[in-house]
Amino acid sequence: MPGTDRTGLAGPLRRALADAGWLPSSDAAPTPSGWSGADDGDGGAAPVVGVDLGGTKLHAVLYDPSRQRLLDRVERTDPRGGTAVTSQIARLVESLTAAAGLAGRPPRVAVGCPGAPDPVTGAVGHAPNIPGWDRMDVPADLEVRLGARPLVHNDANLAAWGEHAWLPGGGDLAFVAVGTGVGLGLVLGGRMYAGSRGLAGEVADLPFGSDPFDPANLVHGPLEQQVSGGGVERRYLELAGRRRPAPEVFAAAADGDRAAAQVLDELGRLLALAVRAVRAIVDPATFVLGGGIGSRPETLTATRRWLAVTEGESLQVRTSTFGNRAALAGALAAAAVA
């Protein structure tokens, strides 16, 4: 996507993110990385809304350019999927614009979602938690409901864009999201890279950790079966003989539980393999680990430990600056320059 700020929102929106604690400091508000154009005032710009759609949670944030503030809403994702979810997104956006006193003016909206949005058909494949989106033109349906056509991107791609756009340094970047599932977002040459059919970054399908030909791994992918919240829980059950949610496994490892420590070590090993596979193909300057599991310091430590075996200090790997708001930060950036 182009990095041109035609709205003049880049600087003010960055200041709003810093003031809200999303960014480390509000002392300075340079034009975000790779962007060019105006950087003063709002120029009468429309409000900007970023939406992060997950299988269980829908989170939307509005930037009000007239007051230079952020408003947000969180709801449980409608489990029916399809038009029930597009309708839910539209209602949430309307609620935010009304709360900001901006009702009546269509906002600029960017939506991050799991799966692979097809740039031609508008369908979103590989998103089993949002049923029906693989059989409908999602942007077109949202356009009817919102009054303006939104951007719809893979959530990991938007997370990568957020880390690239709002932070200095630039360079190609890969965002590895590990939580309920596992995904990869890419920024190459200053643009989000999704591939010809939106499938670039579907690292869940990498043949690591479990048999890629096992029918049980054809939905979520062999890597995701191991490198995910569910994978952590299953592996601990295999080693310890009892169930523990993933956060408890991390806590148990810190308390000296050997089975839990082994689970985290194996998690780091598989992530290191995934990072090396991505490096071999696109060689980004920076890898960012995010998501509920990926952003944990223990995950970063384990991954770096295994990478050091073969890569030494050559790979730059860090955790996400935005944590669980990375996709929202990217969605706001995408909507601002659309």
C-alpha atoms as a PDB file:
ATOM      1  CA  MET A   1       0.000   0.000   0.000  1.00  0.00           C
ATOM      2  CA  PRO A   2       1.269   3.506  -0.741  1.00  0.00           C
ATOM      3  CA  GLY A   3       2.844   5.435   2.103  1.00  0.00           C
ATOM      4  CA  THR A   4       1.518   8.877   1.202  1.00  0.00           C
ATOM      5  CA  ASP A   5      -0.328  10.883   3.845  1.00  0.00           C
ATOM      6  CA  ARG A   6      -2.885  12.752   1.738  1.00  0.00           C
ATOM      7  CA  THR A   7      -5.061  13.621   4.717  1.00  0.00           C
ATOM      8  CA  GLY A   8      -2.556  15.348   6.997  1.00  0.00           C
ATOM      9  CA  LEU A   9      -3.474  12.892   9.761  1.00  0.00           C
ATOM     10  CA  ALA A  10      -0.092  11.187  10.196  1.00  0.00           C
ATOM     11  CA  GLY A  11       1.394  13.522  12.788  1.00  0.00           C
ATOM     12  CA  PRO A  12      -1.780  14.222  14.819  1.00  0.00           C
ATOM     13  CA  LEU A  13      -2.733  10.542  14.879  1.00  0.00           C
ATOM     14  CA  ARG A  14       0.750   9.567  16.018  1.00  0.00           C
ATOM     15  CA  ARG A  15       0.503  12.100  18.850  1.00  0.00           C
ATOM     16  CA  ALA A  16      -2.884  10.673  19.843  1.00  0.00           C
ATOM     17  CA  LEU A  17      -1.425   7.163  19.937  1.00  0.00           C
ATOM     18  CA  ALA A  18       1.466   8.370  22.081  1.00  0.00           C
ATOM     19  CA  ASP A  19      -0.849  10.270  24.435  1.00  0.00           C
ATOM     20  CA  ALA A  20      -2.972   7.133  24.835  1.00  0.00           C
ATOM     21  CA  GLY A  21       0.106   5.098  25.789  1.00  0.00           C
ATOM     22  CA  TRP A  22       0.311   3.079  22.571  1.00  0.00           C
ATOM     23  CA  LEU A  23       3.728   4.535  21.725  1.00  0.00           C
ATOM     24  CA  PRO A  24       6.643   5.102  24.093  1.00  0.00           C
ATOM     25  CA  SER A  25       6.750   8.904  24.022  1.00  0.00           C
ATOM     26  CA  SER A  26       4.764  11.935  22.856  1.00  0.00           C
ATOM     27  CA  ASP A  27       7.795  14.225  22.917  1.00  0.00           C
ATOM     28  CA  ALA A  28       8.021  14.216  19.149  1.00  0.00           C
ATOM     29  CA  ALA A  29       5.625  13.395  16.336  1.00  0.00           C
ATOM     30  CA  PRO A  30       7.582  12.817  13.138  1.00  0.00           C
ATOM     31  CA  THR A  31       5.877  11.659   9.977  1.00  0.00           C
ATOM     32  CA  PRO A  32       5.592   7.869  10.354  1.00  0.00           C
ATOM     33  CA  SER A  33       8.139   5.650   8.679  1.00  0.00           C
ATOM     34  CA  GLY A  34       7.968   5.634   4.900  1.00  0.00           C
ATOM     35  CA  TRP A  35       5.166   8.211   4.688  1.00  0.00           C
ATOM     36  CA  SER A  36       5.323  11.490   2.825  1.00  0.00           C
ATOM     37  CA  GLY A  37       2.949  14.418   2.628  1.00  0.00           C
ATOM     38  CA  ALA A  38       1.253  16.808   5.011  1.00  0.00           C
ATOM     39  CA  ASP A  39       1.835  16.488   8.723  1.00  0.00           C
ATOM     40  CA  ASP A  40      -0.083  19.389  10.275  1.00  0.00           C
ATOM     41  CA  GLY A  41      -3.676  19.569  11.445  1.00  0.00           C
ATOM     42  CA  ASP A  42      -6.548  17.479  10.215  1.00  0.00           C
ATOM     43  CA  GLY A  43      -7.397  19.381   7.041  1.00  0.00           C
ATOM     44  CA  GLY A  44     -11.090  18.735   7.660  1.00  0.00           C
ATOM     45  CA  ALA A  45     -10.396  15.025   7.412  1.00  0.00           C
ATOM     46  CA  ALA A  46     -13.019  12.383   8.081  1.00  0.00           C
ATOM     47  CA  PRO A  47     -12.704  10.283  11.230  1.00  0.00           C
ATOM     48  CA  VAL A  48     -10.539   7.173  10.973  1.00  0.00           C
ATOM     49  CA  VAL A  49     -11.581   3.778  12.337  1.00  0.00           C
ATOM     50  CA  GLY A  50      -9.416   0.708  12.796  1.00  0.00           C
ATOM     51  CA  VAL A  51     -11.120  -2.652  13.384  1.00  0.00           C
ATOM     52  CA  ASP A  52      -9.487  -5.824  14.672  1.00  0.00           C
ATOM     53  CA  LEU A  53     -11.736  -8.826  14.104  1.00  0.00           C
ATOM     54  CA  GLY A  54     -10.895 -12.080  15.849  1.00  0.00           C
ATOM     55  CA  GLY A  55     -12.724 -15.349  16.241  1.00  0.00           C
ATOM     56  CA  THR A  56     -13.936 -14.371  19.720  1.00  0.00           C
ATOM     57  CA  LYS A  57     -13.411 -10.592  20.028  1.00  0.00           C
ATOM     58  CA  LEU A  58     -14.201  -7.554  17.880  1.00  0.00           C
ATOM     59  CA  HIS A  59     -12.292  -4.391  18.801  1.00  0.00           C
ATOM     60  CA  ALA A  60     -12.727  -1.039  17.051  1.00  0.00           C
ATOM     61  CA  VAL A  61     -10.929   2.275  17.658  1.00  0.00           C
ATOM     62  CA  LEU A  62     -11.933   5.642  16.212  1.00  0.00           C
ATOM     63  CA  TYR A  63      -9.608   8.609  15.826  1.00  0.00           C
ATOM     64  CA  ASP A  64     -11.537  11.873  16.066  1.00  0.00           C
ATOM     65  CA  PRO A  65      -9.480  14.442  14.102  1.00  0.00           C
ATOM     66  CA  SER A  66     -11.490  17.416  15.394  1.00  0.00           C
ATOM     67  CA  ARG A  67     -10.537  16.682  19.024  1.00  0.00           C
ATOM     68  CA  GLN A  68      -7.461  14.561  18.283  1.00  0.00           C
ATOM     69  CA  ARG A  69      -8.584  11.716  20.562  1.00  0.00           C
ATOM     70  CA  LEU A  70      -9.168   7.982  20.448  1.00  0.00           C
ATOM     71  CA  LEU A  71     -12.418   6.197  21.333  1.00  0.00           C
ATOM     72  CA  ASP A  72     -12.777   2.432  21.432  1.00  0.00           C
ATOM     73  CA  ARG A  73     -15.361  -0.327  21.747  1.00  0.00           C
ATOM     74  CA  VAL A  74     -14.978  -4.076  22.314  1.00  0.00           C
ATOM     75  CA  GLU A  75     -17.603  -6.766  21.733  1.00  0.00           C
ATOM     76  CA  ARG A  76     -17.752 -10.525  21.499  1.00  0.00           C
ATOM     77  CA  THR A  77     -17.632 -11.555  17.834  1.00  0.00           C
ATOM     78  CA  ASP A  78     -20.983 -12.800  16.574  1.00  0.00           C
ATOM     79  CA  PRO A  79     -20.453 -16.577  16.225  1.00  0.00           C
ATOM     80  CA  ARG A  80     -22.848 -16.775  13.263  1.00  0.00           C
ATOM     81  CA  GLY A  81     -20.261 -15.170  10.981  1.00  0.00           C
ATOM     82  CA  GLY A  82     -21.253 -14.014   7.491  1.00  0.00           C
ATOM     83  CA  THR A  83     -23.436 -10.919   7.270  1.00  0.00           C
ATOM     84  CA  ALA A  84     -24.060 -11.075  11.021  1.00  0.00           C
ATOM     85  CA  VAL A  85     -20.425 -10.032  11.510  1.00  0.00           C
ATOM     86  CA  THR A  86     -20.383  -7.362   8.791  1.00  0.00           C
ATOM     87  CA  SER A  87     -23.563  -5.947  10.336  1.00  0.00           C
ATOM     88  CA  GLN A  88     -21.911  -6.041  13.760  1.00  0.00           C
ATOM     89  CA  ILE A  89     -18.865  -4.155  12.457  1.00  0.00           C
ATOM     90  CA  ALA A  90     -21.112  -1.487  10.907  1.00  0.00           C
ATOM     91  CA  ARG A  91     -23.065  -1.056  14.153  1.00  0.00           C
ATOM     92  CA  LEU A  92     -19.838  -0.721  16.125  1.00  0.00           C
ATOM     93  CA  VAL A  93     -18.509   1.940  13.737  1.00  0.00           C
ATOM     94  CA  GLU A  94     -21.815   3.820  13.911  1.00  0.00           C
ATOM     95  CA  SER A  95     -21.705   3.668  17.709  1.00  0.00           C
ATOM     96  CA  LEU A  96     -18.209   5.155  17.764  1.00  0.00           C
ATOM     97  CA  THR A  97     -19.009   7.960  15.310  1.00  0.00           C
ATOM     98  CA  ALA A  98     -22.123   8.834  17.313  1.00  0.00           C
ATOM     99  CA  ALA A  99     -20.147   8.858  20.579  1.00  0.00           C
ATOM    100  CA  ALA A 100     -17.642  11.239  18.979  1.00  0.00           C
ATOM    101  CA  GLY A 101     -20.424  13.508  17.744  1.00  0.00           C
ATOM    102  CA  LEU A 102     -19.457  12.760  14.142  1.00  0.00           C
ATOM    103  CA  ALA A 103     -22.523  10.811  12.997  1.00  0.00           C
ATOM    104  CA  GLY A 104     -23.526  11.397   9.407  1.00  0.00           C
ATOM    105  CA  ARG A 105     -20.030  11.549   7.967  1.00  0.00           C
ATOM    106  CA  PRO A 106     -18.728   8.191   6.674  1.00  0.00           C
ATOM    107  CA  PRO A 107     -15.413   7.423   8.357  1.00  0.00           C
ATOM    108  CA  ARG A 108     -12.344   5.970   6.713  1.00  0.00           C
ATOM    109  CA  VAL A 109     -12.319   2.341   7.899  1.00  0.00           C
ATOM    110  CA  ALA A 110      -9.706  -0.415   7.763  1.00  0.00           C
ATOM    111  CA  VAL A 111     -10.517  -3.922   9.006  1.00  0.00           C
ATOM    112  CA  GLY A 112      -8.009  -6.538  10.084  1.00  0.00           C
ATOM    113  CA  CYS A 113      -9.277 -10.111  10.074  1.00  0.00           C
ATOM    114  CA  PRO A 114      -7.911 -13.643  10.266  1.00  0.00           C
ATOM    115  CA  GLY A 115      -7.457 -15.473   6.999  1.00  0.00           C
ATOM    116  CA  ALA A 116      -6.644 -14.401   3.449  1.00  0.00           C
ATOM    117  CA  PRO A 117      -8.736 -11.621   1.866  1.00  0.00           C
ATOM    118  CA  ASP A 118      -8.849 -12.182  -1.899  1.00  0.00           C
ATOM    119  CA  PRO A 119      -8.134  -8.856  -3.648  1.00  0.00           C
ATOM    120  CA  VAL A 120     -10.293  -9.843  -6.639  1.00  0.00           C
ATOM    121  CA  THR A 121     -13.385 -11.530  -5.170  1.00  0.00           C
ATOM    122  CA  GLY A 122     -13.416  -9.920  -1.721  1.00  0.00           C
ATOM    123  CA  ALA A 123     -13.887 -13.331  -0.100  1.00  0.00           C
ATOM    124  CA  VAL A 124     -11.836 -14.154   2.997  1.00  0.00           C
ATOM    125  CA  GLY A 125     -10.492 -17.703   2.945  1.00  0.00           C
ATOM    126  CA  HIS A 126      -8.595 -19.625   5.623  1.00  0.00           C
ATOM    127  CA  ALA A 127     -10.681 -18.080   8.420  1.00  0.00           C
ATOM    128  CA  PRO A 128     -12.580 -20.984  10.008  1.00  0.00           C
ATOM    129  CA  ASN A 129     -13.599 -18.860  13.021  1.00  0.00           C
ATOM    130  CA  ILE A 130     -15.547 -16.447  10.771  1.00  0.00           C
ATOM    131  CA  PRO A 131     -17.912 -18.806   8.901  1.00  0.00           C
ATOM    132  CA  GLY A 132     -19.337 -17.633   5.606  1.00  0.00           C
ATOM    133  CA  TRP A 133     -16.729 -14.999   4.810  1.00  0.00           C
ATOM    134  CA  ASP A 134     -15.150 -17.328   2.265  1.00  0.00           C
ATOM    135  CA  ARG A 135     -18.398 -17.194   0.241  1.00  0.00           C
ATOM    136  CA  MET A 136     -19.109 -13.440   0.156  1.00  0.00           C
ATOM    137  CA  ASP A 137     -17.587 -10.171  -1.015  1.00  0.00           C
ATOM    138  CA  VAL A 138     -16.760  -8.754   2.411  1.00  0.00           C
ATOM    139  CA  PRO A 139     -15.617  -5.221   1.391  1.00  0.00           C
ATOM    140  CA  ALA A 140     -18.677  -4.783  -0.861  1.00  0.00           C
ATOM    141  CA  ASP A 141     -21.066  -5.861   1.881  1.00  0.00           C
ATOM    142  CA  LEU A 142     -19.405  -3.493   4.357  1.00  0.00           C
ATOM    143  CA  GLU A 143     -19.527  -0.658   1.824  1.00  0.00           C
ATOM    144  CA  VAL A 144     -23.295  -0.930   1.620  1.00  0.00           C
ATOM    145  CA  ARG A 145     -23.578  -0.811   5.407  1.00  0.00           C
ATOM    146  CA  LEU A 146     -20.963   1.901   6.064  1.00  0.00           C
ATOM    147  CA  GLY A 147     -21.587   4.244   3.145  1.00  0.00           C
ATOM    148  CA  ALA A 148     -17.927   4.054   2.105  1.00  0.00           C
ATOM    149  CA  ARG A 149     -15.722   1.186   0.983  1.00  0.00           C
ATOM    150  CA  PRO A 150     -13.387  -0.044   3.741  1.00  0.00           C
ATOM    151  CA  LEU A 151      -9.986  -1.629   3.445  1.00  0.00           C
ATOM    152  CA  VAL A 152      -9.909  -5.300   4.481  1.00  0.00           C
ATOM    153  CA  HIS A 153      -6.530  -6.857   5.235  1.00  0.00           C
ATOM    154  CA  ASN A 154      -5.169  -9.886   7.035  1.00  0.00           C
ATOM    155  CA  ASP A 155      -4.696  -8.965  10.697  1.00  0.00           C
ATOM    156  CA  ALA A 156      -1.042 -10.048  10.799  1.00  0.00           C
ATOM    157  CA  ASN A 157      -0.303  -7.908   7.741  1.00  0.00           C
ATOM    158  CA  LEU A 158      -1.868  -4.919   9.484  1.00  0.00           C
ATOM    159  CA  ALA A 159       0.119  -5.680  12.630  1.00  0.00           C
ATOM    160  CA  ALA A 160       3.282  -5.653  10.526  1.00  0.00           C
ATOM    161  CA  TRP A 161       2.207  -2.382   8.935  1.00  0.00           C
ATOM    162  CA  GLY A 162       1.567  -0.823  12.336  1.00  0.00           C
ATOM    163  CA  GLU A 163       5.039  -1.750  13.588  1.00  0.00           C
ATOM    164  CA  HIS A 164       6.577  -0.427  10.361  1.00  0.00           C
ATOM    165  CA  ALA A 165       4.533   2.748   9.989  1.00  0.00           C
ATOM    166  CA  TRP A 166       4.591   4.179  13.490  1.00  0.00           C
ATOM    167  CA  LEU A 167       8.175   3.358  14.480  1.00  0.00           C
ATOM    168  CA  PRO A 168      11.412   4.770  13.100  1.00  0.00           C
ATOM    169  CA  GLY A 169      13.954   2.696  11.267  1.00  0.00           C
ATOM    170  CA  GLY A 170      12.055   1.368   8.274  1.00  0.00           C
ATOM    171  CA  GLY A 171      13.299  -1.656   6.391  1.00  0.00           C
ATOM    172  CA  ASP A 172      11.544  -4.882   5.504  1.00  0.00           C
ATOM    173  CA  LEU A 173       9.696  -6.419   8.449  1.00  0.00           C
ATOM    174  CA  ALA A 174       8.018  -9.717   9.303  1.00  0.00           C
ATOM    175  CA  PHE A 175       5.437  -9.885  12.085  1.00  0.00           C
ATOM    176  CA  VAL A 176       4.952 -13.371  13.535  1.00  0.00           C
ATOM    177  CA  ALA A 177       1.639 -13.510  15.423  1.00  0.00           C
ATOM    178  CA  VAL A 178       1.244 -16.370  17.906  1.00  0.00           C
ATOM    179  CA  GLY A 179      -1.934 -16.669  19.935  1.00  0.00           C
ATOM    180  CA  THR A 180      -5.054 -18.697  19.256  1.00  0.00           C
ATOM    181  CA  GLY A 181      -3.406 -19.411  15.909  1.00  0.00           C
ATOM    182  CA  VAL A 182      -0.209 -18.451  14.139  1.00  0.00           C
ATOM    183  CA  GLY A 183       0.204 -16.039  11.252  1.00  0.00           C
ATOM    184  CA  LEU A 184       2.745 -13.878   9.476  1.00  0.00           C
ATOM    185  CA  GLY A 185       2.514 -10.320   8.199  1.00  0.00           C
ATOM    186  CA  LEU A 186       5.036  -8.884   5.759  1.00  0.00           C
ATOM    187  CA  VAL A 187       6.098  -5.346   4.869  1.00  0.00           C
ATOM    188  CA  LEU A 188       8.440  -5.472   1.889  1.00  0.00           C
ATOM    189  CA  GLY A 189       9.731  -2.442   0.034  1.00  0.00           C
ATOM    190  CA  GLY A 190       7.603  -0.147   2.191  1.00  0.00           C
ATOM    191  CA  ARG A 191       4.344  -1.928   1.342  1.00  0.00           C
ATOM    192  CA  MET A 192       2.238  -4.671   2.860  1.00  0.00           C
ATOM    193  CA  TYR A 193       2.812  -7.853   0.905  1.00  0.00           C
ATOM    194  CA  ALA A 194      -0.087 -10.309   0.683  1.00  0.00           C
ATOM    195  CA  GLY A 195       0.732 -12.234  -2.493  1.00  0.00           C
ATOM    196  CA  SER A 196      -1.426 -12.739  -5.577  1.00  0.00           C
ATOM    197  CA  ARG A 197      -4.350 -14.321  -3.690  1.00  0.00           C
ATOM    198  CA  GLY A 198      -3.806 -12.962  -0.199  1.00  0.00           C
ATOM    199  CA  LEU A 199      -2.099 -16.160   0.970  1.00  0.00           C
ATOM    200  CA  ALA A 200       1.422 -14.853   1.602  1.00  0.00           C
ATOM    201  CA  GLY A 201       2.303 -15.312   5.251  1.00  0.00           C
ATOM    202  CA  GLU A 202       0.132 -18.353   5.932  1.00  0.00           C
ATOM    203  CA  VAL A 203       2.929 -19.892   8.005  1.00  0.00           C
ATOM    204  CA  ALA A 204       0.446 -22.122   9.817  1.00  0.00           C
ATOM    205  CA  ASP A 205       0.905 -24.423   6.819  1.00  0.00           C
ATOM    206  CA  LEU A 206       4.670 -24.786   7.245  1.00  0.00           C
ATOM    207  CA  PRO A 207       5.480 -28.510   7.614  1.00  0.00           C
ATOM    208  CA  PHE A 208       7.032 -28.219  11.080  1.00  0.00           C
ATOM    209  CA  GLY A 209       5.975 -29.793  14.355  1.00  0.00           C
ATOM    210  CA  SER A 210       3.439 -32.303  13.038  1.00  0.00           C
ATOM    211  CA  ASP A 211       2.592 -34.324   9.930  1.00  0.00           C
ATOM    212  CA  PRO A 212       1.443 -31.971   7.132  1.00  0.00           C
ATOM    213  CA  PHE A 213      -0.398 -34.863   5.435  1.00  0.00           C
ATOM    214  CA  ASP A 214      -2.410 -35.825   8.495  1.00  0.00           C
ATOM    215  CA  PRO A 215      -6.070 -34.890   7.792  1.00  0.00           C
ATOM    216  CA  ALA A 216      -6.253 -33.454  11.316  1.00  0.00           C
ATOM    217  CA  ASN A 217      -3.743 -30.768  10.272  1.00  0.00           C
ATOM    218  CA  LEU A 218      -5.417 -29.675   7.043  1.00  0.00           C
ATOM    219  CA  VAL A 219      -7.642 -27.030   8.657  1.00  0.00           C
ATOM    220  CA  HIS A 220      -5.312 -25.252  11.049  1.00  0.00           C
ATOM    221  CA  GLY A 221      -1.967 -26.341   9.599  1.00  0.00           C
ATOM    222  CA  PRO A 222       0.843 -28.464  11.071  1.00  0.00           C
ATOM    223  CA  LEU A 223       2.803 -25.567  12.600  1.00  0.00           C
ATOM    224  CA  GLU A 224      -0.301 -24.018  14.145  1.00  0.00           C
ATOM    225  CA  GLN A 225      -1.186 -27.325  15.775  1.00  0.00           C
ATOM    226  CA  GLN A 226       1.962 -26.921  17.882  1.00  0.00           C
ATOM    227  CA  VAL A 227       2.709 -23.194  17.926  1.00  0.00           C
ATOM    228  CA  SER A 228      -0.510 -21.748  19.362  1.00  0.00           C
ATOM    229  CA  GLY A 229      -2.359 -21.542  22.652  1.00  0.00           C
ATOM    230  CA  GLY A 230      -4.013 -24.872  21.972  1.00  0.00           C
ATOM    231  CA  GLY A 231      -0.680 -26.409  20.985  1.00  0.00           C
ATOM    232  CA  VAL A 232       0.921 -25.310  24.264  1.00  0.00           C
ATOM    233  CA  GLU A 233      -1.965 -26.818  26.232  1.00  0.00           C
ATOM    234  CA  ARG A 234      -1.913 -30.113  24.301  1.00  0.00           C
ATOM    235  CA  ARG A 235       1.831 -30.536  24.629  1.00  0.00           C
ATOM    236  CA  TYR A 236       1.724 -29.906  28.373  1.00  0.00           C
ATOM    237  CA  LEU A 237      -1.042 -32.512  28.704  1.00  0.00           C
ATOM    238  CA  GLU A 238       1.140 -35.028  26.840  1.00  0.00           C
ATOM    239  CA  LEU A 239       4.136 -34.382  29.099  1.00  0.00           C
ATOM    240  CA  ALA A 240       2.486 -33.794  32.480  1.00  0.00           C
ATOM    241  CA  GLY A 241      -0.720 -35.810  32.174  1.00  0.00           C
ATOM    242  CA  ARG A 242      -3.007 -32.922  33.122  1.00  0.00           C
ATOM    243  CA  ARG A 243      -4.522 -29.904  31.460  1.00  0.00           C
ATOM    244  CA  ARG A 244      -3.449 -26.320  32.014  1.00  0.00           C
ATOM    245  CA  PRO A 245      -4.377 -23.197  30.022  1.00  0.00           C
ATOM    246  CA  ALA A 246      -1.440 -21.682  28.165  1.00  0.00           C
ATOM    247  CA  PRO A 247      -0.959 -18.752  30.616  1.00  0.00           C
ATOM    248  CA  GLU A 248      -0.720 -21.256  33.480  1.00  0.00           C
ATOM    249  CA  VAL A 249       1.888 -23.246  31.564  1.00  0.00           C
ATOM    250  CA  PHE A 250       4.050 -20.119  31.325  1.00  0.00           C
ATOM    251  CA  ALA A 251       3.567 -19.459  35.041  1.00  0.00           C
ATOM    252  CA  ALA A 252       4.410 -23.081  35.892  1.00  0.00           C
ATOM    253  CA  ALA A 253       7.631 -22.853  33.874  1.00  0.00           C
ATOM    254  CA  ALA A 254       8.650 -19.817  35.912  1.00  0.00           C
ATOM    255  CA  ASP A 255       7.972 -21.827  39.085  1.00  0.00           C
ATOM    256  CA  GLY A 256      10.301 -24.647  38.021  1.00  0.00           C
ATOM    257  CA  ASP A 257       7.830 -27.084  36.422  1.00  0.00           C
ATOM    258  CA  ARG A 258      10.027 -29.202  34.123  1.00  0.00           C
ATOM    259  CA  ALA A 259       7.227 -30.219  31.775  1.00  0.00           C
ATOM    260  CA  ALA A 260       6.184 -26.592  31.338  1.00  0.00           C
ATOM    261  CA  ALA A 261       9.801 -25.540  30.739  1.00  0.00           C
ATOM    262  CA  GLN A 262      10.107 -28.208  28.050  1.00  0.00           C
ATOM    263  CA  VAL A 263       6.925 -26.973  26.353  1.00  0.00           C
ATOM    264  CA  LEU A 264       8.304 -23.421  26.152  1.00  0.00           C
ATOM    265  CA  ASP A 265      11.663 -24.677  24.912  1.00  0.00           C
ATOM    266  CA  GLU A 266       9.946 -26.637  22.126  1.00  0.00           C
ATOM    267  CA  LEU A 267       7.816 -23.601  21.305  1.00  0.00           C
ATOM    268  CA  GLY A 268      10.974 -21.510  20.871  1.00  0.00           C
ATOM    269  CA  ARG A 269      12.570 -24.185  18.722  1.00  0.00           C
ATOM    270  CA  LEU A 270       9.603 -24.321  16.322  1.00  0.00           C
ATOM    271  CA  LEU A 271       9.390 -20.541  16.110  1.00  0.00           C
ATOM    272  CA  ALA A 272      13.104 -20.391  15.368  1.00  0.00           C
ATOM    273  CA  LEU A 273      12.563 -22.841  12.500  1.00  0.00           C
ATOM    274  CA  ALA A 274       9.696 -20.707  11.160  1.00  0.00           C
ATOM    275  CA  VAL A 275      11.800 -17.548  11.387  1.00  0.00           C
ATOM    276  CA  ARG A 276      14.653 -19.226   9.519  1.00  0.00           C
ATOM    277  CA  ALA A 277      12.248 -20.407   6.801  1.00  0.00           C
ATOM    278  CA  VAL A 278      10.897 -16.880   6.305  1.00  0.00           C
ATOM    279  CA  ARG A 279      14.413 -15.428   6.354  1.00  0.00           C
ATOM    280  CA  ALA A 280      15.487 -17.866   3.641  1.00  0.00           C
ATOM    281  CA  ILE A 281      12.777 -16.548   1.300  1.00  0.00           C
ATOM    282  CA  VAL A 282      12.374 -12.804   1.972  1.00  0.00           C
ATOM    283  CA  ASP A 283      15.210 -11.929   4.414  1.00  0.00           C
ATOM    284  CA  PRO A 284      13.513  -9.064   6.319  1.00  0.00           C
ATOM    285  CA  ALA A 285      15.591  -6.667   8.400  1.00  0.00           C
ATOM    286  CA  THR A 286      13.479  -7.259  11.505  1.00  0.00           C
ATOM    287  CA  PHE A 287      11.263  -9.986  12.937  1.00  0.00           C
ATOM    288  CA  VAL A 288       8.587  -8.957  15.428  1.00  0.00           C
ATOM    289  CA  LEU A 289       6.859 -11.497  17.679  1.00  0.00           C
ATOM    290  CA  GLY A 290       3.308 -10.595  18.664  1.00  0.00           C
ATOM    291  CA  GLY A 291       0.023 -12.059  19.824  1.00  0.00           C
ATOM    292  CA  GLY A 292      -0.887 -13.327  23.273  1.00  0.00           C
ATOM    293  CA  ILE A 293       1.874 -15.935  23.241  1.00  0.00           C
ATOM    294  CA  GLY A 294       4.358 -14.399  20.819  1.00  0.00           C
ATOM    295  CA  SER A 295       4.632 -11.128  22.733  1.00  0.00           C
ATOM    296  CA  ARG A 296       5.589 -12.837  25.999  1.00  0.00           C
ATOM    297  CA  PRO A 297       9.247 -12.312  26.998  1.00  0.00           C
ATOM    298  CA  GLU A 298       9.653 -16.051  27.661  1.00  0.00           C
ATOM    299  CA  THR A 299       8.743 -16.780  24.025  1.00  0.00           C
ATOM    300  CA  LEU A 300      11.280 -14.259  22.762  1.00  0.00           C
ATOM    301  CA  THR A 301      13.987 -15.692  25.034  1.00  0.00           C
ATOM    302  CA  ALA A 302      13.342 -19.285  23.918  1.00  0.00           C
ATOM    303  CA  THR A 303      13.236 -18.311  20.231  1.00  0.00           C
ATOM    304  CA  ARG A 304      16.463 -16.312  20.453  1.00  0.00           C
ATOM    305  CA  ARG A 305      18.165 -19.183  22.283  1.00  0.00           C
ATOM    306  CA  TRP A 306      17.459 -21.592  19.423  1.00  0.00           C
ATOM    307  CA  LEU A 307      18.279 -19.033  16.731  1.00  0.00           C
ATOM    308  CA  ALA A 308      21.658 -18.433  18.366  1.00  0.00           C
ATOM    309  CA  VAL A 309      22.577 -22.065  17.684  1.00  0.00           C
ATOM    310  CA  THR A 310      22.729 -21.443  13.929  1.00  0.00           C
ATOM    311  CA  GLU A 311      22.372 -17.693  13.400  1.00  0.00           C
ATOM    312  CA  GLY A 312      24.343 -16.145  16.243  1.00  0.00           C
ATOM    313  CA  GLU A 313      23.329 -12.493  16.577  1.00  0.00           C
ATOM    314  CA  SER A 314      22.643 -11.963  12.872  1.00  0.00           C
ATOM    315  CA  LEU A 315      18.829 -11.956  13.119  1.00  0.00           C
ATOM    316  CA  GLN A 316      17.026  -8.995  14.677  1.00  0.00           C
ATOM    317  CA  VAL A 317      14.064 -10.389  16.630  1.00  0.00           C
ATOM    318  CA  ARG A 318      11.996  -8.366  19.116  1.00  0.00           C
ATOM    319  CA  THR A 319       8.533  -8.332  20.640  1.00  0.00           C
ATOM    320  CA  SER A 320       5.731  -6.095  19.425  1.00  0.00           C
ATOM    321  CA  THR A 321       5.653  -2.496  20.607  1.00  0.00           C
ATOM    322  CA  PHE A 322       1.846  -2.460  20.479  1.00  0.00           C
ATOM    323  CA  GLY A 323       1.129  -5.841  22.068  1.00  0.00           C
ATOM    324  CA  ASN A 324      -2.459  -6.925  21.460  1.00  0.00           C
ATOM    325  CA  ARG A 325      -3.196  -3.601  19.740  1.00  0.00           C
ATOM    326  CA  ALA A 326      -0.728  -4.115  16.866  1.00  0.00           C
ATOM    327  CA  ALA A 327      -3.408  -4.896  14.254  1.00  0.00           C
ATOM    328  CA  LEU A 328      -5.432  -1.881  15.397  1.00  0.00           C
ATOM    329  CA  ALA A 329      -2.374   0.368  15.112  1.00  0.00           C
ATOM    330  CA  GLY A 330      -1.849  -0.898  11.578  1.00  0.00           C
ATOM    331  CA  ALA A 331      -5.520  -0.516  10.684  1.00  0.00           C
ATOM    332  CA  LEU A 332      -5.498   3.118  11.818  1.00  0.00           C
ATOM    333  CA  ALA A 333      -2.359   3.760   9.763  1.00  0.00           C
ATOM    334  CA  ALA A 334      -3.873   2.087   6.700  1.00  0.00           C
ATOM    335  CA  ALA A 335      -7.130   4.018   6.983  1.00  0.00           C
ATOM    336  CA  ALA A 336      -5.299   7.314   7.458  1.00  0.00           C
ATOM    337  CA  VAL A 337      -3.408   7.089   4.179  1.00  0.00           C
ATOM    338  CA  ALA A 338      -6.040   5.304   2.073  1.00  0.00           C
END
